[in-house]
Amino acid sequence: MPTPDRRQFSPSAARNRDPILAVLQRVLPAAGLVLELGSGTGEHAVHFARYLPALHWQPSDAEPAALASIADWVAHSARANVLPPLCFDLAATPWPVGAADAIVAINVLHYSPWETTPALFAGAAEVLPAGGVVVCYGPYRRGGVHTAPSNADFDEWLRSVDPRFAVRDLEAVAAEALRRGFRLEEVVDMPANNFSLIFRRSAGEPH
């Protein structure tokens, strides 16, 4: 009996993977381990691993269905530089990764309670070296207002799914990052009214 294919497919992942890849190719280190938080279907992980062959990609998620999809995407890709997914909630410490060279979180902060944001940077401060980068992709409010009507509608929908979910204020995210020694180095405009936030760990922060 054939093994069922548990891969999930996300139309948004297919649309945004190449614009995100272009940012990652520019800001990630030349080699090392990238920890992806909230990998979802797993499509991003195998796509990025294909085009960033000198990097080892570590996907992760807390949802069983997502982990199954990621595992099957990894197996289907047959790429040596993408690792089996880790099961963990990034708000739970310590993380099961002792060290990484970069962290990528795509569409994570708005699909999580606010407490996830400080937890992400607290965990990043434990595993990244000085100069290590954190990339957070998604929609953000700027100056307390939405950047597009569609984002306002999306925010309302998120809150209807779970009152703890919301499109986050970019300035609030940056403030939490700074408390853990990560400065907002760059805000990259992305398609569909999204942004890539590039945070870098200050050189003076101990690892």
N, C-alpha and C. Protein backbone atom coordinates (compact mmCIF):
# COMPACT_ATOMS: atom_id res chain seq x y z
N MET A 1 0.86 -1.19 0.00
CA MET A 1 0.00 0.00 0.00
C MET A 1 0.90 1.24 0.00
N PRO A 2 0.69 2.18 -0.93
CA PRO A 2 1.56 3.35 -1.00
C PRO A 2 1.40 4.25 0.22
N THR A 3 2.48 4.88 0.63
CA THR A 3 2.45 5.81 1.75
C THR A 3 1.75 7.10 1.31
N PRO A 4 0.78 7.58 2.09
CA PRO A 4 0.08 8.81 1.69
C PRO A 4 1.03 10.00 1.67
N ASP A 5 0.79 10.87 0.73
CA ASP A 5 1.57 12.10 0.61
C ASP A 5 0.93 13.15 1.52
N ARG A 6 1.64 13.55 2.56
CA ARG A 6 1.08 14.49 3.55
C ARG A 6 1.48 15.94 3.26
N ARG A 7 2.08 16.18 2.10
CA ARG A 7 2.49 17.55 1.79
C ARG A 7 1.28 18.47 1.64
N GLN A 8 1.36 19.64 2.24
CA GLN A 8 0.36 20.67 2.06
C GLN A 8 0.90 21.72 1.08
N PHE A 9 -0.01 22.38 0.42
CA PHE A 9 0.36 23.39 -0.58
C PHE A 9 -0.30 24.72 -0.22
N SER A 10 0.50 25.75 -0.17
CA SER A 10 0.01 27.08 0.17
C SER A 10 0.16 28.02 -1.02
N PRO A 11 -0.94 28.55 -1.57
CA PRO A 11 -0.81 29.49 -2.70
C PRO A 11 0.05 30.71 -2.36
N SER A 12 -0.06 31.20 -1.12
CA SER A 12 0.73 32.37 -0.75
C SER A 12 2.21 32.04 -0.70
N ALA A 13 2.55 30.82 -0.26
CA ALA A 13 3.96 30.42 -0.24
C ALA A 13 4.53 30.37 -1.66
N ALA A 14 3.73 29.89 -2.60
CA ALA A 14 4.19 29.84 -3.99
C ALA A 14 4.40 31.25 -4.55
N ARG A 15 3.57 32.19 -4.10
CA ARG A 15 3.68 33.56 -4.60
C ARG A 15 4.85 34.33 -3.99
N ASN A 16 5.07 34.13 -2.69
CA ASN A 16 6.04 35.00 -2.01
C ASN A 16 7.44 34.41 -1.87
N ARG A 17 7.62 33.14 -2.25
CA ARG A 17 8.90 32.50 -1.97
C ARG A 17 10.07 33.14 -2.71
N ASP A 18 9.86 33.55 -3.95
CA ASP A 18 10.97 34.14 -4.70
C ASP A 18 11.32 35.55 -4.23
N PRO A 19 10.35 36.43 -3.96
CA PRO A 19 10.71 37.72 -3.39
C PRO A 19 11.42 37.59 -2.03
N ILE A 20 10.97 36.64 -1.19
CA ILE A 20 11.65 36.43 0.09
C ILE A 20 13.05 35.88 -0.14
N LEU A 21 13.19 34.95 -1.08
CA LEU A 21 14.49 34.38 -1.39
C LEU A 21 15.48 35.47 -1.78
N ALA A 22 15.03 36.44 -2.57
CA ALA A 22 15.92 37.51 -3.00
C ALA A 22 16.47 38.29 -1.82
N VAL A 23 15.64 38.48 -0.79
CA VAL A 23 16.11 39.16 0.43
C VAL A 23 17.09 38.26 1.18
N LEU A 24 16.74 36.98 1.32
CA LEU A 24 17.60 36.07 2.07
C LEU A 24 18.96 35.92 1.41
N GLN A 25 19.00 35.87 0.10
CA GLN A 25 20.28 35.74 -0.60
C GLN A 25 21.20 36.92 -0.30
N ARG A 26 20.61 38.03 0.03
CA ARG A 26 21.39 39.24 0.30
C ARG A 26 21.82 39.37 1.75
N VAL A 27 20.97 38.91 2.70
CA VAL A 27 21.24 39.21 4.11
C VAL A 27 21.72 38.02 4.94
N LEU A 28 21.49 36.80 4.48
CA LEU A 28 21.93 35.64 5.26
C LEU A 28 23.44 35.44 5.11
N PRO A 29 24.06 34.76 6.09
CA PRO A 29 25.49 34.47 5.97
C PRO A 29 25.75 33.53 4.80
N ALA A 30 27.01 33.50 4.36
CA ALA A 30 27.36 32.68 3.20
C ALA A 30 27.21 31.19 3.49
N ALA A 31 27.39 30.82 4.74
CA ALA A 31 27.29 29.40 5.13
C ALA A 31 26.84 29.34 6.58
N GLY A 32 26.42 28.14 7.01
CA GLY A 32 26.00 27.96 8.39
C GLY A 32 24.62 27.35 8.48
N LEU A 33 24.00 27.47 9.67
CA LEU A 33 22.70 26.88 9.96
C LEU A 33 21.65 27.97 10.10
N VAL A 34 20.58 27.85 9.33
CA VAL A 34 19.44 28.77 9.42
C VAL A 34 18.30 28.04 10.10
N LEU A 35 17.81 28.61 11.19
CA LEU A 35 16.65 28.07 11.90
C LEU A 35 15.41 28.80 11.41
N GLU A 36 14.50 28.06 10.80
CA GLU A 36 13.23 28.65 10.36
C GLU A 36 12.17 28.33 11.40
N LEU A 37 11.55 29.37 11.95
CA LEU A 37 10.50 29.22 12.95
C LEU A 37 9.14 29.24 12.27
N GLY A 38 8.26 28.34 12.69
CA GLY A 38 6.92 28.30 12.11
C GLY A 38 6.94 28.02 10.63
N SER A 39 7.53 26.89 10.25
CA SER A 39 7.76 26.60 8.82
C SER A 39 6.49 26.26 8.04
N GLY A 40 5.38 26.03 8.74
CA GLY A 40 4.10 25.83 8.04
C GLY A 40 4.10 24.60 7.16
N THR A 41 3.82 24.78 5.88
CA THR A 41 3.72 23.62 4.97
C THR A 41 5.09 22.98 4.72
N GLY A 42 6.16 23.77 4.83
CA GLY A 42 7.50 23.27 4.50
C GLY A 42 7.97 23.65 3.12
N GLU A 43 7.11 24.30 2.34
CA GLU A 43 7.47 24.66 0.97
C GLU A 43 8.61 25.67 0.93
N HIS A 44 8.58 26.65 1.84
CA HIS A 44 9.66 27.62 1.87
C HIS A 44 10.99 26.95 2.16
N ALA A 45 11.00 26.04 3.12
CA ALA A 45 12.25 25.42 3.54
C ALA A 45 12.96 24.73 2.38
N VAL A 46 12.24 23.92 1.62
CA VAL A 46 12.89 23.19 0.54
C VAL A 46 13.26 24.12 -0.62
N HIS A 47 12.47 25.16 -0.83
CA HIS A 47 12.78 26.12 -1.91
C HIS A 47 14.05 26.89 -1.57
N PHE A 48 14.13 27.38 -0.35
CA PHE A 48 15.31 28.16 0.04
C PHE A 48 16.55 27.27 0.08
N ALA A 49 16.39 26.04 0.56
CA ALA A 49 17.53 25.13 0.62
C ALA A 49 18.08 24.84 -0.78
N ARG A 50 17.19 24.80 -1.75
CA ARG A 50 17.63 24.54 -3.13
C ARG A 50 18.53 25.67 -3.65
N TYR A 51 18.14 26.90 -3.34
CA TYR A 51 18.86 28.04 -3.91
C TYR A 51 19.93 28.62 -2.99
N LEU A 52 20.03 28.08 -1.79
CA LEU A 52 21.08 28.49 -0.84
C LEU A 52 21.84 27.23 -0.41
N PRO A 53 22.52 26.58 -1.33
CA PRO A 53 23.09 25.26 -1.06
C PRO A 53 24.19 25.25 -0.01
N ALA A 54 24.81 26.38 0.27
CA ALA A 54 25.88 26.42 1.27
C ALA A 54 25.33 26.55 2.69
N LEU A 55 24.03 26.78 2.80
CA LEU A 55 23.38 26.89 4.11
C LEU A 55 22.62 25.61 4.44
N HIS A 56 22.64 25.23 5.71
CA HIS A 56 21.80 24.13 6.18
C HIS A 56 20.53 24.74 6.77
N TRP A 57 19.39 24.23 6.33
CA TRP A 57 18.10 24.79 6.70
C TRP A 57 17.43 23.89 7.72
N GLN A 58 17.09 24.46 8.89
CA GLN A 58 16.41 23.70 9.94
C GLN A 58 14.98 24.19 10.10
N PRO A 59 14.00 23.51 9.48
CA PRO A 59 12.60 23.91 9.66
C PRO A 59 12.08 23.48 11.03
N SER A 60 11.01 24.14 11.47
CA SER A 60 10.40 23.78 12.75
C SER A 60 8.94 24.24 12.75
N ASP A 61 8.16 23.64 13.62
CA ASP A 61 6.77 24.06 13.82
C ASP A 61 6.26 23.38 15.08
N ALA A 62 5.12 23.85 15.56
CA ALA A 62 4.51 23.25 16.75
C ALA A 62 3.28 22.42 16.42
N GLU A 63 2.80 22.52 15.18
CA GLU A 63 1.56 21.85 14.80
C GLU A 63 1.84 20.49 14.15
N PRO A 64 1.19 19.41 14.61
CA PRO A 64 1.44 18.08 14.05
C PRO A 64 1.22 17.99 12.54
N ALA A 65 0.15 18.60 12.03
CA ALA A 65 -0.11 18.53 10.59
C ALA A 65 0.98 19.25 9.81
N ALA A 66 1.45 20.38 10.34
CA ALA A 66 2.53 21.10 9.67
C ALA A 66 3.81 20.27 9.68
N LEU A 67 4.10 19.64 10.79
CA LEU A 67 5.32 18.82 10.88
C LEU A 67 5.28 17.67 9.89
N ALA A 68 4.11 17.06 9.71
CA ALA A 68 3.98 15.97 8.75
C ALA A 68 4.20 16.48 7.33
N SER A 69 3.63 17.65 7.02
CA SER A 69 3.81 18.24 5.69
C SER A 69 5.28 18.58 5.45
N ILE A 70 5.90 19.21 6.44
CA ILE A 70 7.32 19.57 6.29
C ILE A 70 8.16 18.32 6.05
N ALA A 71 7.93 17.28 6.85
CA ALA A 71 8.72 16.05 6.73
C ALA A 71 8.61 15.48 5.32
N ASP A 72 7.40 15.50 4.76
CA ASP A 72 7.22 14.94 3.42
C ASP A 72 7.80 15.84 2.34
N TRP A 73 7.75 17.16 2.55
CA TRP A 73 8.42 18.06 1.61
C TRP A 73 9.93 17.85 1.63
N VAL A 74 10.47 17.67 2.83
CA VAL A 74 11.92 17.43 2.96
C VAL A 74 12.29 16.13 2.25
N ALA A 75 11.52 15.08 2.49
CA ALA A 75 11.80 13.79 1.86
C ALA A 75 11.66 13.89 0.34
N HIS A 76 10.65 14.59 -0.11
CA HIS A 76 10.40 14.74 -1.55
C HIS A 76 11.53 15.51 -2.22
N SER A 77 12.08 16.50 -1.52
CA SER A 77 13.13 17.33 -2.11
C SER A 77 14.45 16.59 -2.25
N ALA A 78 14.68 15.64 -1.33
CA ALA A 78 15.92 14.85 -1.32
C ALA A 78 17.17 15.73 -1.27
N ARG A 79 17.03 16.89 -0.61
CA ARG A 79 18.17 17.79 -0.49
C ARG A 79 18.91 17.53 0.82
N ALA A 80 20.21 17.41 0.72
CA ALA A 80 21.02 17.10 1.90
C ALA A 80 21.11 18.27 2.86
N ASN A 81 20.84 19.49 2.39
CA ASN A 81 21.03 20.66 3.26
C ASN A 81 19.75 21.16 3.91
N VAL A 82 18.66 20.38 3.82
CA VAL A 82 17.46 20.71 4.60
C VAL A 82 17.20 19.56 5.56
N LEU A 83 17.07 19.88 6.84
CA LEU A 83 17.03 18.89 7.90
C LEU A 83 15.59 18.51 8.25
N PRO A 84 15.39 17.35 8.88
CA PRO A 84 14.05 16.99 9.34
C PRO A 84 13.51 18.06 10.29
N PRO A 85 12.20 18.29 10.30
CA PRO A 85 11.66 19.37 11.12
C PRO A 85 11.74 19.08 12.62
N LEU A 86 11.91 20.15 13.38
CA LEU A 86 11.88 20.06 14.83
C LEU A 86 10.50 20.48 15.32
N CYS A 87 10.00 19.77 16.33
CA CYS A 87 8.72 20.11 16.94
C CYS A 87 8.98 20.95 18.18
N PHE A 88 8.65 22.22 18.12
CA PHE A 88 8.71 23.02 19.34
C PHE A 88 7.95 24.32 19.19
N ASP A 89 7.48 24.81 20.32
CA ASP A 89 6.83 26.11 20.43
C ASP A 89 7.91 27.11 20.76
N LEU A 90 8.10 28.11 19.91
CA LEU A 90 9.22 29.02 20.11
C LEU A 90 9.10 29.81 21.42
N ALA A 91 7.90 29.85 22.02
CA ALA A 91 7.73 30.54 23.29
C ALA A 91 8.18 29.68 24.47
N ALA A 92 8.44 28.38 24.23
CA ALA A 92 8.89 27.48 25.27
C ALA A 92 10.41 27.43 25.28
N THR A 93 10.99 27.61 26.44
CA THR A 93 12.46 27.61 26.54
C THR A 93 12.93 26.44 27.39
N PRO A 94 14.16 25.96 27.18
CA PRO A 94 15.06 26.41 26.11
C PRO A 94 14.67 25.80 24.77
N TRP A 95 15.10 26.45 23.69
CA TRP A 95 14.88 25.90 22.37
C TRP A 95 15.72 24.65 22.17
N PRO A 96 15.26 23.72 21.33
CA PRO A 96 16.02 22.49 21.09
C PRO A 96 17.17 22.67 20.10
N VAL A 97 17.52 23.91 19.81
CA VAL A 97 18.66 24.21 18.94
C VAL A 97 19.66 25.01 19.76
N GLY A 98 20.84 24.48 19.95
CA GLY A 98 21.81 25.15 20.80
C GLY A 98 22.47 26.35 20.16
N ALA A 99 22.60 26.33 18.85
CA ALA A 99 23.26 27.43 18.14
C ALA A 99 22.77 27.46 16.70
N ALA A 100 22.69 28.66 16.16
CA ALA A 100 22.34 28.86 14.76
C ALA A 100 23.06 30.11 14.27
N ASP A 101 23.11 30.26 12.97
CA ASP A 101 23.78 31.43 12.38
C ASP A 101 22.79 32.50 11.93
N ALA A 102 21.54 32.12 11.75
CA ALA A 102 20.49 33.06 11.36
C ALA A 102 19.14 32.44 11.69
N ILE A 103 18.13 33.31 11.81
CA ILE A 103 16.77 32.88 12.09
C ILE A 103 15.84 33.54 11.08
N VAL A 104 14.90 32.76 10.55
CA VAL A 104 13.90 33.26 9.61
C VAL A 104 12.51 32.91 10.16
N ALA A 105 11.64 33.91 10.21
CA ALA A 105 10.26 33.70 10.67
C ALA A 105 9.32 34.34 9.65
N ILE A 106 8.63 33.52 8.89
CA ILE A 106 7.75 33.99 7.82
C ILE A 106 6.29 33.82 8.26
N ASN A 107 5.56 34.93 8.31
CA ASN A 107 4.14 34.91 8.69
C ASN A 107 3.93 34.22 10.04
N VAL A 108 4.77 34.59 11.00
CA VAL A 108 4.69 33.99 12.34
C VAL A 108 4.08 34.96 13.34
N LEU A 109 4.54 36.19 13.38
CA LEU A 109 4.19 37.08 14.48
C LEU A 109 2.70 37.41 14.51
N HIS A 110 2.07 37.57 13.36
CA HIS A 110 0.64 37.93 13.37
C HIS A 110 -0.26 36.73 13.62
N TYR A 111 0.25 35.52 13.40
CA TYR A 111 -0.52 34.31 13.67
C TYR A 111 -0.22 33.76 15.06
N SER A 112 0.31 34.57 15.95
CA SER A 112 0.70 34.15 17.28
C SER A 112 0.26 35.19 18.30
N PRO A 113 0.14 34.79 19.57
CA PRO A 113 -0.08 35.80 20.61
C PRO A 113 1.09 36.77 20.67
N TRP A 114 0.86 37.97 21.17
CA TRP A 114 1.92 38.97 21.24
C TRP A 114 3.14 38.45 21.99
N GLU A 115 2.91 37.60 23.01
CA GLU A 115 4.03 37.10 23.82
C GLU A 115 5.06 36.35 22.99
N THR A 116 4.65 35.89 21.82
CA THR A 116 5.58 35.19 20.94
C THR A 116 6.71 36.12 20.46
N THR A 117 6.40 37.39 20.29
CA THR A 117 7.40 38.33 19.76
C THR A 117 8.59 38.49 20.71
N PRO A 118 8.38 38.85 21.99
CA PRO A 118 9.54 38.90 22.88
C PRO A 118 10.20 37.55 23.07
N ALA A 119 9.41 36.46 23.02
CA ALA A 119 10.00 35.12 23.16
C ALA A 119 10.92 34.80 21.99
N LEU A 120 10.54 35.24 20.79
CA LEU A 120 11.37 34.99 19.61
C LEU A 120 12.75 35.64 19.78
N PHE A 121 12.77 36.89 20.20
CA PHE A 121 14.06 37.57 20.31
C PHE A 121 14.85 37.12 21.54
N ALA A 122 14.15 36.69 22.58
CA ALA A 122 14.86 36.12 23.72
C ALA A 122 15.55 34.82 23.31
N GLY A 123 14.84 33.99 22.57
CA GLY A 123 15.45 32.75 22.08
C GLY A 123 16.58 33.01 21.11
N ALA A 124 16.37 33.99 20.23
CA ALA A 124 17.41 34.33 19.26
C ALA A 124 18.68 34.79 19.95
N ALA A 125 18.52 35.52 21.06
CA ALA A 125 19.68 36.00 21.80
C ALA A 125 20.47 34.85 22.42
N GLU A 126 19.81 33.72 22.63
CA GLU A 126 20.49 32.56 23.21
C GLU A 126 21.25 31.75 22.17
N VAL A 127 20.81 31.79 20.91
CA VAL A 127 21.39 30.87 19.92
C VAL A 127 22.21 31.54 18.83
N LEU A 128 22.04 32.85 18.64
CA LEU A 128 22.75 33.51 17.54
C LEU A 128 24.04 34.17 18.03
N PRO A 129 25.06 34.21 17.18
CA PRO A 129 26.30 34.91 17.53
C PRO A 129 26.14 36.41 17.34
N ALA A 130 27.11 37.18 17.81
CA ALA A 130 27.14 38.61 17.50
C ALA A 130 27.14 38.79 15.99
N GLY A 131 26.32 39.71 15.51
CA GLY A 131 26.19 39.91 14.07
C GLY A 131 25.17 38.99 13.43
N GLY A 132 24.60 38.05 14.19
CA GLY A 132 23.60 37.14 13.65
C GLY A 132 22.34 37.89 13.25
N VAL A 133 21.66 37.37 12.24
CA VAL A 133 20.51 38.07 11.66
C VAL A 133 19.21 37.32 11.93
N VAL A 134 18.15 38.11 12.15
CA VAL A 134 16.78 37.60 12.26
C VAL A 134 15.96 38.28 11.17
N VAL A 135 15.27 37.48 10.35
CA VAL A 135 14.41 38.02 9.29
C VAL A 135 12.96 37.68 9.64
N CYS A 136 12.14 38.71 9.79
CA CYS A 136 10.71 38.51 10.08
C CYS A 136 9.90 39.08 8.91
N TYR A 137 9.17 38.21 8.23
CA TYR A 137 8.38 38.61 7.07
C TYR A 137 6.90 38.60 7.42
N GLY A 138 6.17 39.59 6.89
CA GLY A 138 4.73 39.61 7.07
C GLY A 138 4.20 41.03 6.94
N PRO A 139 2.89 41.22 7.21
CA PRO A 139 2.31 42.56 7.23
C PRO A 139 2.59 43.22 8.57
N TYR A 140 2.76 44.53 8.55
CA TYR A 140 2.97 45.28 9.79
C TYR A 140 2.27 46.63 9.67
N ARG A 141 1.79 47.12 10.81
CA ARG A 141 1.32 48.50 10.86
C ARG A 141 2.54 49.40 11.05
N ARG A 142 2.47 50.61 10.50
CA ARG A 142 3.56 51.57 10.65
C ARG A 142 3.00 52.87 11.20
N GLY A 143 3.61 53.36 12.27
CA GLY A 143 3.08 54.56 12.91
C GLY A 143 1.68 54.36 13.45
N GLY A 144 1.34 53.12 13.80
CA GLY A 144 0.04 52.82 14.38
C GLY A 144 -1.08 52.67 13.38
N VAL A 145 -0.78 52.70 12.08
CA VAL A 145 -1.84 52.57 11.08
C VAL A 145 -1.47 51.48 10.06
N HIS A 146 -2.48 50.89 9.47
CA HIS A 146 -2.25 49.89 8.44
C HIS A 146 -1.71 50.54 7.17
N THR A 147 -0.91 49.79 6.44
CA THR A 147 -0.31 50.33 5.22
C THR A 147 -1.18 50.12 4.00
N ALA A 148 -2.29 49.39 4.14
CA ALA A 148 -3.21 49.16 3.02
C ALA A 148 -4.56 48.71 3.58
N PRO A 149 -5.66 49.03 2.91
CA PRO A 149 -6.97 48.57 3.36
C PRO A 149 -7.05 47.05 3.47
N SER A 150 -6.38 46.34 2.58
CA SER A 150 -6.41 44.87 2.63
C SER A 150 -5.79 44.36 3.93
N ASN A 151 -4.78 45.07 4.44
CA ASN A 151 -4.16 44.66 5.69
C ASN A 151 -5.09 44.90 6.87
N ALA A 152 -5.87 45.98 6.80
CA ALA A 152 -6.87 46.24 7.84
C ALA A 152 -7.92 45.14 7.86
N ASP A 153 -8.35 44.72 6.69
CA ASP A 153 -9.32 43.62 6.59
C ASP A 153 -8.70 42.32 7.12
N PHE A 154 -7.45 42.08 6.77
CA PHE A 154 -6.76 40.88 7.23
C PHE A 154 -6.63 40.88 8.75
N ASP A 155 -6.32 42.04 9.32
CA ASP A 155 -6.19 42.18 10.77
C ASP A 155 -7.51 41.84 11.45
N GLU A 156 -8.60 42.34 10.90
CA GLU A 156 -9.93 42.04 11.46
C GLU A 156 -10.22 40.55 11.39
N TRP A 157 -9.85 39.92 10.27
CA TRP A 157 -10.06 38.48 10.14
C TRP A 157 -9.21 37.70 11.15
N LEU A 158 -7.96 38.09 11.31
CA LEU A 158 -7.09 37.42 12.28
C LEU A 158 -7.70 37.45 13.68
N ARG A 159 -8.17 38.61 14.08
CA ARG A 159 -8.74 38.76 15.42
C ARG A 159 -10.02 37.95 15.58
N SER A 160 -10.73 37.72 14.47
CA SER A 160 -11.93 36.88 14.54
C SER A 160 -11.57 35.40 14.71
N VAL A 161 -10.42 35.01 14.16
CA VAL A 161 -9.94 33.63 14.32
C VAL A 161 -9.47 33.39 15.75
N ASP A 162 -8.71 34.35 16.28
CA ASP A 162 -8.18 34.26 17.64
C ASP A 162 -7.92 35.68 18.10
N PRO A 163 -8.56 36.12 19.18
CA PRO A 163 -8.37 37.50 19.63
C PRO A 163 -6.91 37.85 19.95
N ARG A 164 -6.08 36.84 20.13
CA ARG A 164 -4.66 37.09 20.43
C ARG A 164 -3.84 37.35 19.17
N PHE A 165 -4.42 37.09 18.00
CA PHE A 165 -3.71 37.30 16.73
C PHE A 165 -3.96 38.73 16.26
N ALA A 166 -2.99 39.28 15.52
CA ALA A 166 -3.15 40.63 14.98
C ALA A 166 -1.96 40.99 14.12
N VAL A 167 -2.19 41.90 13.17
CA VAL A 167 -1.08 42.52 12.46
C VAL A 167 -0.35 43.41 13.46
N ARG A 168 0.95 43.19 13.62
CA ARG A 168 1.70 43.86 14.67
C ARG A 168 2.20 45.24 14.24
N ASP A 169 2.42 46.09 15.24
CA ASP A 169 3.05 47.38 14.99
C ASP A 169 4.54 47.17 14.79
N LEU A 170 5.05 47.62 13.66
CA LEU A 170 6.46 47.46 13.36
C LEU A 170 7.33 48.06 14.47
N GLU A 171 6.94 49.21 14.98
CA GLU A 171 7.73 49.87 16.02
C GLU A 171 7.76 49.07 17.31
N ALA A 172 6.66 48.40 17.63
CA ALA A 172 6.61 47.59 18.85
C ALA A 172 7.51 46.36 18.71
N VAL A 173 7.51 45.76 17.52
CA VAL A 173 8.38 44.61 17.27
C VAL A 173 9.84 45.04 17.37
N ALA A 174 10.17 46.18 16.78
CA ALA A 174 11.54 46.67 16.81
C ALA A 174 11.98 46.98 18.24
N ALA A 175 11.07 47.49 19.06
CA ALA A 175 11.41 47.79 20.45
C ALA A 175 11.71 46.51 21.23
N GLU A 176 10.92 45.46 21.00
CA GLU A 176 11.19 44.18 21.68
C GLU A 176 12.52 43.60 21.22
N ALA A 177 12.81 43.73 19.93
CA ALA A 177 14.09 43.23 19.42
C ALA A 177 15.25 43.97 20.08
N LEU A 178 15.12 45.28 20.20
CA LEU A 178 16.21 46.08 20.77
C LEU A 178 16.47 45.72 22.22
N ARG A 179 15.43 45.36 22.95
CA ARG A 179 15.61 44.95 24.35
C ARG A 179 16.50 43.73 24.47
N ARG A 180 16.54 42.93 23.42
CA ARG A 180 17.36 41.72 23.43
C ARG A 180 18.65 41.89 22.62
N GLY A 181 18.95 43.13 22.26
CA GLY A 181 20.22 43.39 21.59
C GLY A 181 20.18 43.27 20.09
N PHE A 182 18.99 43.32 19.49
CA PHE A 182 18.86 43.25 18.03
C PHE A 182 18.36 44.59 17.50
N ARG A 183 19.13 45.20 16.62
CA ARG A 183 18.70 46.47 16.03
C ARG A 183 18.05 46.21 14.68
N LEU A 184 17.06 47.01 14.38
CA LEU A 184 16.38 46.92 13.08
C LEU A 184 17.28 47.57 12.04
N GLU A 185 17.88 46.73 11.21
CA GLU A 185 18.86 47.19 10.24
C GLU A 185 18.21 47.68 8.94
N GLU A 186 17.08 47.06 8.59
CA GLU A 186 16.49 47.38 7.29
C GLU A 186 15.03 46.95 7.28
N VAL A 187 14.20 47.74 6.62
CA VAL A 187 12.80 47.38 6.34
C VAL A 187 12.67 47.30 4.82
N VAL A 188 12.36 46.11 4.32
CA VAL A 188 12.28 45.88 2.88
C VAL A 188 10.82 45.79 2.46
N ASP A 189 10.41 46.67 1.57
CA ASP A 189 9.05 46.58 1.02
C ASP A 189 8.94 45.31 0.17
N MET A 190 7.84 44.57 0.40
CA MET A 190 7.62 43.31 -0.30
C MET A 190 6.27 43.38 -1.03
N PRO A 191 6.03 42.46 -1.96
CA PRO A 191 4.73 42.44 -2.65
C PRO A 191 3.57 42.22 -1.67
N ALA A 192 2.39 42.59 -2.12
CA ALA A 192 1.14 42.35 -1.38
C ALA A 192 1.13 43.03 -0.01
N ASN A 193 1.77 44.22 0.07
CA ASN A 193 1.74 45.04 1.28
C ASN A 193 2.37 44.35 2.49
N ASN A 194 3.41 43.58 2.24
CA ASN A 194 4.18 42.95 3.30
C ASN A 194 5.55 43.62 3.41
N PHE A 195 6.26 43.24 4.48
CA PHE A 195 7.60 43.76 4.70
C PHE A 195 8.50 42.63 5.19
N SER A 196 9.78 42.75 4.87
CA SER A 196 10.79 41.91 5.51
C SER A 196 11.57 42.81 6.46
N LEU A 197 11.55 42.46 7.74
CA LEU A 197 12.29 43.20 8.76
C LEU A 197 13.61 42.48 9.00
N ILE A 198 14.71 43.19 8.85
CA ILE A 198 16.04 42.59 9.01
C ILE A 198 16.61 43.11 10.32
N PHE A 199 16.75 42.23 11.29
CA PHE A 199 17.33 42.57 12.58
C PHE A 199 18.73 41.95 12.67
N ARG A 200 19.66 42.69 13.26
CA ARG A 200 21.01 42.15 13.44
C ARG A 200 21.44 42.29 14.91
N ARG A 201 22.04 41.23 15.41
CA ARG A 201 22.48 41.25 16.79
C ARG A 201 23.70 42.14 16.94
N SER A 202 23.65 43.00 17.92
CA SER A 202 24.74 43.95 18.13
C SER A 202 26.03 43.21 18.42
N ALA A 203 27.13 43.73 17.89
CA ALA A 203 28.44 43.07 18.04
C ALA A 203 28.85 43.00 19.51
N GLY A 204 28.34 43.93 20.32
CA GLY A 204 28.73 43.95 21.74
C GLY A 204 27.97 42.96 22.59
N GLU A 205 26.97 42.28 22.02
CA GLU A 205 26.17 41.33 22.80
C GLU A 205 26.92 40.01 22.94
N PRO A 206 27.06 39.49 24.16
CA PRO A 206 27.72 38.18 24.32
C PRO A 206 26.86 37.07 23.77
N HIS A 207 27.52 36.00 23.33
CA HIS A 207 26.79 34.85 22.81
C HIS A 207 26.69 33.80 23.92
